[in-house]
PDB file of N, CA and C in Angstrom:
ATOM      1  N   MET A   1      85.187  15.325 104.550  1.00  0.00           N
ATOM      2  CA  MET A   1      85.995  15.991 105.627  1.00  0.00           C
ATOM      3  C   MET A   1      84.929  16.468 106.547  1.00  0.00           C
ATOM      4  N   ARG A   2      84.686  15.899 107.739  1.00  0.00           N
ATOM      5  CA  ARG A   2      83.465  16.295 108.682  1.00  0.00           C
ATOM      6  C   ARG A   2      83.875  17.606 109.380  1.00  0.00           C
ATOM      7  N   ARG A   3      85.094  17.841 109.660  1.00  0.00           N
ATOM      8  CA  ARG A   3      85.672  18.921 110.382  1.00  0.00           C
ATOM      9  C   ARG A   3      85.560  20.222 109.430  1.00  0.00           C
ATOM     10  N   LEU A   4      85.419  20.176 108.354  1.00  0.00           N
ATOM     11  CA  LEU A   4      85.275  21.441 107.570  1.00  0.00           C
ATOM     12  C   LEU A   4      84.043  22.278 107.844  1.00  0.00           C
ATOM     13  N   SER A   5      82.965  21.700 108.076  1.00  0.00           N
ATOM     14  CA  SER A   5      81.746  22.437 108.479  1.00  0.00           C
ATOM     15  C   SER A   5      81.887  22.964 109.794  1.00  0.00           C
ATOM     16  N   LEU A   6      82.775  22.317 110.735  1.00  0.00           N
ATOM     17  CA  LEU A   6      83.096  22.861 112.077  1.00  0.00           C
ATOM     18  C   LEU A   6      83.884  24.046 111.985  1.00  0.00           C
ATOM     19  N   TYR A   7      84.936  23.942 111.017  1.00  0.00           N
ATOM     20  CA  TYR A   7      85.839  24.948 110.802  1.00  0.00           C
ATOM     21  C   TYR A   7      85.075  26.321 110.336  1.00  0.00           C
ATOM     22  N   LEU A   8      84.106  26.108 109.306  1.00  0.00           N
ATOM     23  CA  LEU A   8      83.366  27.084 108.752  1.00  0.00           C
ATOM     24  C   LEU A   8      82.593  27.821 109.641  1.00  0.00           C
ATOM     25  N   ARG A   9      81.746  27.102 110.576  1.00  0.00           N
ATOM     26  CA  ARG A   9      81.115  27.643 111.488  1.00  0.00           C
ATOM     27  C   ARG A   9      81.823  28.431 112.572  1.00  0.00           C
ATOM     28  N   GLN A  10      83.068  28.035 112.965  1.00  0.00           N
ATOM     29  CA  GLN A  10      84.026  28.793 113.850  1.00  0.00           C
ATOM     30  C   GLN A  10      84.561  29.974 113.260  1.00  0.00           C
ATOM     31  N   LEU A  11      84.841  29.877 112.045  1.00  0.00           N
ATOM     32  CA  LEU A  11      85.483  31.118 111.266  1.00  0.00           C
ATOM     33  C   LEU A  11      84.364  32.163 111.034  1.00  0.00           C
ATOM     34  N   GLU A  12      83.118  31.682 110.852  1.00  0.00           N
ATOM     35  CA  GLU A  12      82.005  32.721 110.631  1.00  0.00           C
ATOM     36  C   GLU A  12      81.881  33.399 112.061  1.00  0.00           C
ATOM     37  N   SER A  13      81.909  32.728 113.147  1.00  0.00           N
ATOM     38  CA  SER A  13      81.771  33.369 114.457  1.00  0.00           C
ATOM     39  C   SER A  13      83.159  34.340 114.622  1.00  0.00           C
ATOM     40  N   PHE A  14      84.201  33.961 114.121  1.00  0.00           N
ATOM     41  CA  PHE A  14      85.236  34.877 114.425  1.00  0.00           C
ATOM     42  C   PHE A  14      85.067  36.054 113.573  1.00  0.00           C
ATOM     43  N   LYS A  15      84.603  35.866 112.389  1.00  0.00           N
ATOM     44  CA  LYS A  15      84.266  37.061 111.408  1.00  0.00           C
ATOM     45  C   LYS A  15      83.048  38.100 112.176  1.00  0.00           C
ATOM     46  N   ARG A  16      82.286  37.493 112.685  1.00  0.00           N
ATOM     47  CA  ARG A  16      81.342  38.322 113.493  1.00  0.00           C
ATOM     48  C   ARG A  16      81.828  39.192 114.565  1.00  0.00           C
ATOM     49  N   LYS A  17      82.959  38.595 115.168  1.00  0.00           N
ATOM     50  CA  LYS A  17      83.558  39.291 116.040  1.00  0.00           C
ATOM     51  C   LYS A  17      84.700  40.173 115.546  1.00  0.00           C
ATOM     52  N   GLU A  18      84.719  40.428 114.272  1.00  0.00           N
ATOM     53  CA  GLU A  18      85.663  41.272 113.426  1.00  0.00           C
ATOM     54  C   GLU A  18      86.935  40.935 113.632  1.00  0.00           C
ATOM     55  N   ARG A  19      87.260  39.575 113.623  1.00  0.00           N
ATOM     56  CA  ARG A  19      88.732  39.036 113.519  1.00  0.00           C
ATOM     57  C   ARG A  19      88.966  38.989 112.084  1.00  0.00           C
ATOM     58  N   ARG A  20      90.237  39.472 111.926  1.00  0.00           N
ATOM     59  CA  ARG A  20      90.543  39.486 110.447  1.00  0.00           C
ATOM     60  C   ARG A  20      91.429  38.181 110.135  1.00  0.00           C
ATOM     61  N   THR A  21      92.379  37.845 111.182  1.00  0.00           N
ATOM     62  CA  THR A  21      93.235  36.668 110.870  1.00  0.00           C
ATOM     63  C   THR A  21      93.059  35.786 112.179  1.00  0.00           C
ATOM     64  N   ILE A  22      93.534  34.482 111.825  1.00  0.00           N
ATOM     65  CA  ILE A  22      93.484  33.614 112.922  1.00  0.00           C
ATOM     66  C   ILE A  22      94.690  32.673 112.685  1.00  0.00           C
ATOM     67  N   SER A  23      95.110  32.035 113.722  1.00  0.00           N
ATOM     68  CA  SER A  23      96.290  31.113 113.768  1.00  0.00           C
ATOM     69  C   SER A  23      95.580  29.651 113.624  1.00  0.00           C
ATOM     70  N   SER A  24      96.364  28.695 113.276  1.00  0.00           N
ATOM     71  CA  SER A  24      95.865  27.348 113.420  1.00  0.00           C
ATOM     72  C   SER A  24      95.719  26.935 114.857  1.00  0.00           C
ATOM     73  N   ARG A  25      96.575  27.633 115.799  1.00  0.00           N
ATOM     74  CA  ARG A  25      96.488  27.194 117.161  1.00  0.00           C
ATOM     75  C   ARG A  25      95.049  27.790 117.698  1.00  0.00           C
ATOM     76  N   GLN A  26      94.863  28.930 117.462  1.00  0.00           N
ATOM     77  CA  GLN A  26      93.605  29.513 117.842  1.00  0.00           C
ATOM     78  C   GLN A  26      92.415  28.990 117.210  1.00  0.00           C
ATOM     79  N   LEU A  27      92.321  28.589 116.032  1.00  0.00           N
ATOM     80  CA  LEU A  27      91.213  27.779 115.565  1.00  0.00           C
ATOM     81  C   LEU A  27      91.045  26.435 116.213  1.00  0.00           C
ATOM     82  N   GLY A  28      92.218  25.737 116.317  1.00  0.00           N
ATOM     83  CA  GLY A  28      92.120  24.441 116.750  1.00  0.00           C
ATOM     84  C   GLY A  28      91.681  24.371 118.247  1.00  0.00           C
ATOM     85  N   GLU A  29      92.302  25.273 119.133  1.00  0.00           N
ATOM     86  CA  GLU A  29      91.690  25.416 120.536  1.00  0.00           C
ATOM     87  C   GLU A  29      90.355  25.783 120.719  1.00  0.00           C
ATOM     88  N   SER A  30      89.759  26.571 119.751  1.00  0.00           N
ATOM     89  CA  SER A  30      88.286  26.820 119.942  1.00  0.00           C
ATOM     90  C   SER A  30      87.501  25.650 119.588  1.00  0.00           C
ATOM     91  N   LEU A  31      88.128  24.654 118.985  1.00  0.00           N
ATOM     92  CA  LEU A  31      87.295  23.537 118.639  1.00  0.00           C
ATOM     93  C   LEU A  31      87.814  22.131 119.204  1.00  0.00           C
ATOM     94  N   GLY A  32      88.771  22.277 120.242  1.00  0.00           N
ATOM     95  CA  GLY A  32      89.211  21.148 120.995  1.00  0.00           C
ATOM     96  C   GLY A  32      90.128  20.335 119.994  1.00  0.00           C
ATOM     97  N   LEU A  33      90.770  20.963 119.199  1.00  0.00           N
ATOM     98  CA  LEU A  33      91.766  20.114 118.296  1.00  0.00           C
ATOM     99  C   LEU A  33      93.109  20.740 118.315  1.00  0.00           C
ATOM    100  N   THR A  34      94.059  20.121 117.885  1.00  0.00           N
ATOM    101  CA  THR A  34      95.457  20.524 117.898  1.00  0.00           C
ATOM    102  C   THR A  34      95.758  21.373 116.667  1.00  0.00           C
ATOM    103  N   ASP A  35      96.756  22.303 116.816  1.00  0.00           N
ATOM    104  CA  ASP A  35      97.105  23.191 115.508  1.00  0.00           C
ATOM    105  C   ASP A  35      97.417  22.451 114.545  1.00  0.00           C
ATOM    106  N   ALA A  36      98.248  21.271 114.908  1.00  0.00           N
ATOM    107  CA  ALA A  36      98.597  20.468 113.654  1.00  0.00           C
ATOM    108  C   ALA A  36      97.603  19.835 112.842  1.00  0.00           C
ATOM    109  N   GLN A  37      96.581  19.378 113.652  1.00  0.00           N
ATOM    110  CA  GLN A  37      95.362  18.810 113.044  1.00  0.00           C
ATOM    111  C   GLN A  37      94.613  19.718 112.030  1.00  0.00           C
ATOM    112  N   VAL A  38      94.520  20.974 112.465  1.00  0.00           N
ATOM    113  CA  VAL A  38      93.982  22.020 111.592  1.00  0.00           C
ATOM    114  C   VAL A  38      94.842  22.231 110.371  1.00  0.00           C
ATOM    115  N   ARG A  39      96.103  22.404 110.512  1.00  0.00           N
ATOM    116  CA  ARG A  39      96.998  22.385 109.382  1.00  0.00           C
ATOM    117  C   ARG A  39      96.888  21.263 108.429  1.00  0.00           C
ATOM    118  N   LYS A  40      96.899  20.195 108.868  1.00  0.00           N
ATOM    119  CA  LYS A  40      96.933  18.949 108.183  1.00  0.00           C
ATOM    120  C   LYS A  40      95.576  18.863 107.383  1.00  0.00           C
ATOM    121  N   ASP A  41      94.481  19.055 108.132  1.00  0.00           N
ATOM    122  CA  ASP A  41      93.044  19.140 107.336  1.00  0.00           C
ATOM    123  C   ASP A  41      93.058  20.212 106.167  1.00  0.00           C
ATOM    124  N   LEU A  42      93.634  21.381 106.510  1.00  0.00           N
ATOM    125  CA  LEU A  42      93.467  22.420 105.406  1.00  0.00           C
ATOM    126  C   LEU A  42      94.537  22.201 104.412  1.00  0.00           C
ATOM    127  N   ALA A  43      95.773  21.698 104.639  1.00  0.00           N
ATOM    128  CA  ALA A  43      96.736  21.478 103.691  1.00  0.00           C
ATOM    129  C   ALA A  43      96.238  20.359 102.715  1.00  0.00           C
ATOM    130  N   TYR A  44      95.274  19.394 103.055  1.00  0.00           N
ATOM    131  CA  TYR A  44      94.828  18.466 102.159  1.00  0.00           C
ATOM    132  C   TYR A  44      94.275  19.057 100.919  1.00  0.00           C
ATOM    133  N   PHE A  45      93.705  20.317 101.100  1.00  0.00           N
ATOM    134  CA  PHE A  45      92.946  20.897  99.820  1.00  0.00           C
ATOM    135  C   PHE A  45      93.751  22.030  99.264  1.00  0.00           C
ATOM    136  N   GLY A  46      95.091  22.370  99.860  1.00  0.00           N
ATOM    137  CA  GLY A  46      95.975  23.462  99.214  1.00  0.00           C
ATOM    138  C   GLY A  46      96.544  24.195 100.406  1.00  0.00           C
ATOM    139  N   GLN A  47      97.094  25.323  99.953  1.00  0.00           N
ATOM    140  CA  GLN A  47      97.858  26.093 100.903  1.00  0.00           C
ATOM    141  C   GLN A  47      96.972  27.368 101.148  1.00  0.00           C
ATOM    142  N   PHE A  48      96.548  27.757 102.422  1.00  0.00           N
ATOM    143  CA  PHE A  48      95.710  28.884 102.708  1.00  0.00           C
ATOM    144  C   PHE A  48      96.382  29.868 103.506  1.00  0.00           C
ATOM    145  N   GLY A  49      97.218  29.431 104.486  1.00  0.00           N
ATOM    146  CA  GLY A  49      97.761  30.102 105.544  1.00  0.00           C
ATOM    147  C   GLY A  49      98.974  30.947 105.179  1.00  0.00           C
ATOM    148  N   HIS A  50      99.474  31.819 105.949  1.00  0.00           N
ATOM    149  CA  HIS A  50     100.527  32.693 105.753  1.00  0.00           C
ATOM    150  C   HIS A  50     101.637  32.492 106.837  1.00  0.00           C
ATOM    151  N   PRO A  51     102.853  32.125 106.774  1.00  0.00           N
ATOM    152  CA  PRO A  51     103.790  32.089 107.953  1.00  0.00           C
ATOM    153  C   PRO A  51     103.827  33.317 108.609  1.00  0.00           C
ATOM    154  N   GLY A  52     103.702  33.210 109.968  1.00  0.00           N
ATOM    155  CA  GLY A  52     103.778  34.494 110.872  1.00  0.00           C
ATOM    156  C   GLY A  52     102.479  35.416 111.017  1.00  0.00           C
ATOM    157  N   ILE A  53     101.564  35.064 109.980  1.00  0.00           N
ATOM    158  CA  ILE A  53     100.389  35.892 109.963  1.00  0.00           C
ATOM    159  C   ILE A  53      99.177  34.844 110.440  1.00  0.00           C
ATOM    160  N   GLY A  54      99.162  33.643 109.924  1.00  0.00           N
ATOM    161  CA  GLY A  54      98.144  32.881 110.133  1.00  0.00           C
ATOM    162  C   GLY A  54      97.062  32.744 108.832  1.00  0.00           C
ATOM    163  N   TYR A  55      95.901  32.632 109.152  1.00  0.00           N
ATOM    164  CA  TYR A  55      94.880  32.614 108.053  1.00  0.00           C
ATOM    165  C   TYR A  55      93.963  33.874 108.034  1.00  0.00           C
ATOM    166  N   ARG A  56      93.910  34.291 106.859  1.00  0.00           N
ATOM    167  CA  ARG A  56      92.851  35.480 106.710  1.00  0.00           C
ATOM    168  C   ARG A  56      91.473  34.909 106.817  1.00  0.00           C
ATOM    169  N   VAL A  57      90.673  35.400 107.649  1.00  0.00           N
ATOM    170  CA  VAL A  57      89.285  34.707 107.988  1.00  0.00           C
ATOM    171  C   VAL A  57      88.421  34.739 106.947  1.00  0.00           C
ATOM    172  N   ASP A  58      88.287  35.999 106.190  1.00  0.00           N
ATOM    173  CA  ASP A  58      87.482  35.958 105.067  1.00  0.00           C
ATOM    174  C   ASP A  58      87.912  34.979 103.812  1.00  0.00           C
ATOM    175  N   ASP A  59      89.260  35.082 103.560  1.00  0.00           N
ATOM    176  CA  ASP A  59      89.682  34.094 102.566  1.00  0.00           C
ATOM    177  C   ASP A  59      89.513  32.603 102.985  1.00  0.00           C
ATOM    178  N   LEU A  60      89.713  32.375 104.178  1.00  0.00           N
ATOM    179  CA  LEU A  60      89.538  30.839 104.401  1.00  0.00           C
ATOM    180  C   LEU A  60      88.079  30.454 104.493  1.00  0.00           C
ATOM    181  N   ILE A  61      87.227  31.538 104.795  1.00  0.00           N
ATOM    182  CA  ILE A  61      85.791  31.163 104.661  1.00  0.00           C
ATOM    183  C   ILE A  61      85.403  30.892 103.409  1.00  0.00           C
ATOM    184  N   ALA A  62      85.782  31.686 102.380  1.00  0.00           N
ATOM    185  CA  ALA A  62      85.494  31.535 101.070  1.00  0.00           C
ATOM    186  C   ALA A  62      85.973  30.076 100.560  1.00  0.00           C
ATOM    187  N   GLN A  63      87.337  29.824 100.803  1.00  0.00           N
ATOM    188  CA  GLN A  63      87.808  28.486 100.400  1.00  0.00           C
ATOM    189  C   GLN A  63      87.183  27.386 101.042  1.00  0.00           C
ATOM    190  N   VAL A  64      86.879  27.397 102.210  1.00  0.00           N
ATOM    191  CA  VAL A  64      86.220  26.346 102.877  1.00  0.00           C
ATOM    192  C   VAL A  64      84.767  26.124 102.288  1.00  0.00           C
ATOM    193  N   LYS A  65      84.088  27.045 102.069  1.00  0.00           N
ATOM    194  CA  LYS A  65      82.755  27.053 101.407  1.00  0.00           C
ATOM    195  C   LYS A  65      82.888  26.583  99.937  1.00  0.00           C
ATOM    196  N   ARG A  66      83.911  26.789  99.218  1.00  0.00           N
ATOM    197  CA  ARG A  66      84.165  26.293  97.973  1.00  0.00           C
ATOM    198  C   ARG A  66      84.446  24.811  97.988  1.00  0.00           C
ATOM    199  N   ILE A  67      85.155  24.400  98.960  1.00  0.00           N
ATOM    200  CA  ILE A  67      85.544  22.967  99.119  1.00  0.00           C
ATOM    201  C   ILE A  67      84.315  22.169  99.570  1.00  0.00           C
ATOM    202  N   LEU A  68      83.470  22.673 100.438  1.00  0.00           N
ATOM    203  CA  LEU A  68      82.261  22.079 100.918  1.00  0.00           C
ATOM    204  C   LEU A  68      81.375  21.997  99.818  1.00  0.00           C
ATOM    205  N   GLY A  69      81.323  22.929  98.828  1.00  0.00           N
ATOM    206  CA  GLY A  69      80.221  22.886  97.815  1.00  0.00           C
ATOM    207  C   GLY A  69      80.660  21.819  96.841  1.00  0.00           C
ATOM    208  N   ARG A  70      81.905  21.624  96.561  1.00  0.00           N
ATOM    209  CA  ARG A  70      82.326  20.478  95.768  1.00  0.00           C
ATOM    210  C   ARG A  70      82.256  19.241  96.287  1.00  0.00           C
ATOM    211  N   THR A  71      82.739  19.046  97.518  1.00  0.00           N
ATOM    212  CA  THR A  71      82.431  17.917  98.156  1.00  0.00           C
ATOM    213  C   THR A  71      80.950  17.400  98.456  1.00  0.00           C
ATOM    214  N   ARG A  72      80.242  18.284  98.739  1.00  0.00           N
ATOM    215  CA  ARG A  72      78.789  17.883  98.854  1.00  0.00           C
ATOM    216  C   ARG A  72      78.164  17.377  97.725  1.00  0.00           C
ATOM    217  N   CYS A  73      78.431  18.015  96.522  1.00  0.00           N
ATOM    218  CA  CYS A  73      77.896  17.650  95.390  1.00  0.00           C
ATOM    219  C   CYS A  73      78.326  16.250  94.991  1.00  0.00           C
ATOM    220  N   GLY A  74      79.575  15.735  95.338  1.00  0.00           N
ATOM    221  CA  GLY A  74      79.906  14.407  95.081  1.00  0.00           C
ATOM    222  C   GLY A  74      79.135  13.378  96.017  1.00  0.00           C
ATOM    223  N   MET A  75      78.418  13.864  96.972  1.00  0.00           N
ATOM    224  CA  MET A  75      77.672  13.067  97.791  1.00  0.00           C
ATOM    225  C   MET A  75      76.264  12.965  97.582  1.00  0.00           C
ATOM    226  N   CYS A  76      75.917  13.600  96.525  1.00  0.00           N
ATOM    227  CA  CYS A  76      74.355  13.772  96.240  1.00  0.00           C
ATOM    228  C   CYS A  76      73.758  12.286  95.873  1.00  0.00           C
ATOM    229  N   CYS A  77      72.585  12.161  95.823  1.00  0.00           N
ATOM    230  CA  CYS A  77      72.017  10.754  95.455  1.00  0.00           C
ATOM    231  C   CYS A  77      70.468  11.062  94.987  1.00  0.00           C
ATOM    232  N   TRP A  78      70.232  10.421  94.017  1.00  0.00           N
ATOM    233  CA  TRP A  78      68.842  10.565  93.381  1.00  0.00           C
ATOM    234  C   TRP A  78      68.063   9.573  93.800  1.00  0.00           C
ATOM    235  N   TRP A  79      66.835   9.760  94.257  1.00  0.00           N
ATOM    236  CA  TRP A  79      65.979   9.042  94.827  1.00  0.00           C
ATOM    237  C   TRP A  79      64.467   9.210  94.379  1.00  0.00           C
ATOM    238  N   GLY A  80      63.907   8.274  93.940  1.00  0.00           N
ATOM    239  CA  GLY A  80      62.448   8.469  93.397  1.00  0.00           C
ATOM    240  C   GLY A  80      61.800   7.398  92.531  1.00  0.00           C
ATOM    241  N   PRO A  81      60.595   7.525  92.297  1.00  0.00           N
ATOM    242  CA  PRO A  81      59.929   6.446  91.566  1.00  0.00           C
ATOM    243  C   PRO A  81      60.302   6.583  90.037  1.00  0.00           C
ATOM    244  N   GLY A  82      60.317   5.435  89.352  1.00  0.00           N
ATOM    245  CA  GLY A  82      60.496   5.451  87.850  1.00  0.00           C
ATOM    246  C   GLY A  82      61.792   4.918  87.384  1.00  0.00           C
ATOM    247  N   THR A  83      61.933   4.993  86.048  1.00  0.00           N
ATOM    248  CA  THR A  83      63.287   4.480  85.658  1.00  0.00           C
ATOM    249  C   THR A  83      63.991   5.504  84.913  1.00  0.00           C
ATOM    250  N   TRP A  84      65.245   5.312  84.725  1.00  0.00           N
ATOM    251  CA  TRP A  84      66.116   6.210  83.952  1.00  0.00           C
ATOM    252  C   TRP A  84      66.441   5.672  82.473  1.00  0.00           C
ATOM    253  N   GLY A  85      66.087   6.180  81.564  1.00  0.00           N
ATOM    254  CA  GLY A  85      66.481   5.926  80.248  1.00  0.00           C
ATOM    255  C   GLY A  85      65.669   4.649  79.424  1.00  0.00           C
ATOM    256  N   GLY A  86      64.563   4.630  79.937  1.00  0.00           N
ATOM    257  CA  GLY A  86      63.723   3.776  79.139  1.00  0.00           C
ATOM    258  C   GLY A  86      63.170   2.576  79.830  1.00  0.00           C
ATOM    259  N   ARG A  87      62.391   1.808  79.167  1.00  0.00           N
ATOM    260  CA  ARG A  87      61.641   0.613  79.659  1.00  0.00           C
ATOM    261  C   ARG A  87      62.242  -0.630  79.134  1.00  0.00           C
TER     262      ARG A  87
END
């Protein structure tokens, strides 16, 4: 999911500005996306928001980092000389 890294960068920016919560609308507008797209993207990985409150910035940063760590690992590739497992 390409947008997760964008979400993370924007969330970290909001955190530096001492924002504690953010709505899907605010996050979407800051990235040129709709609030529905933000909710759909995040809902794919679980439920993170709170109705009427939005997303807690610190919690969402931690969750997005966890998701990116897991998905990045699945995209690793080994490259180099030699053989694996014998001749």
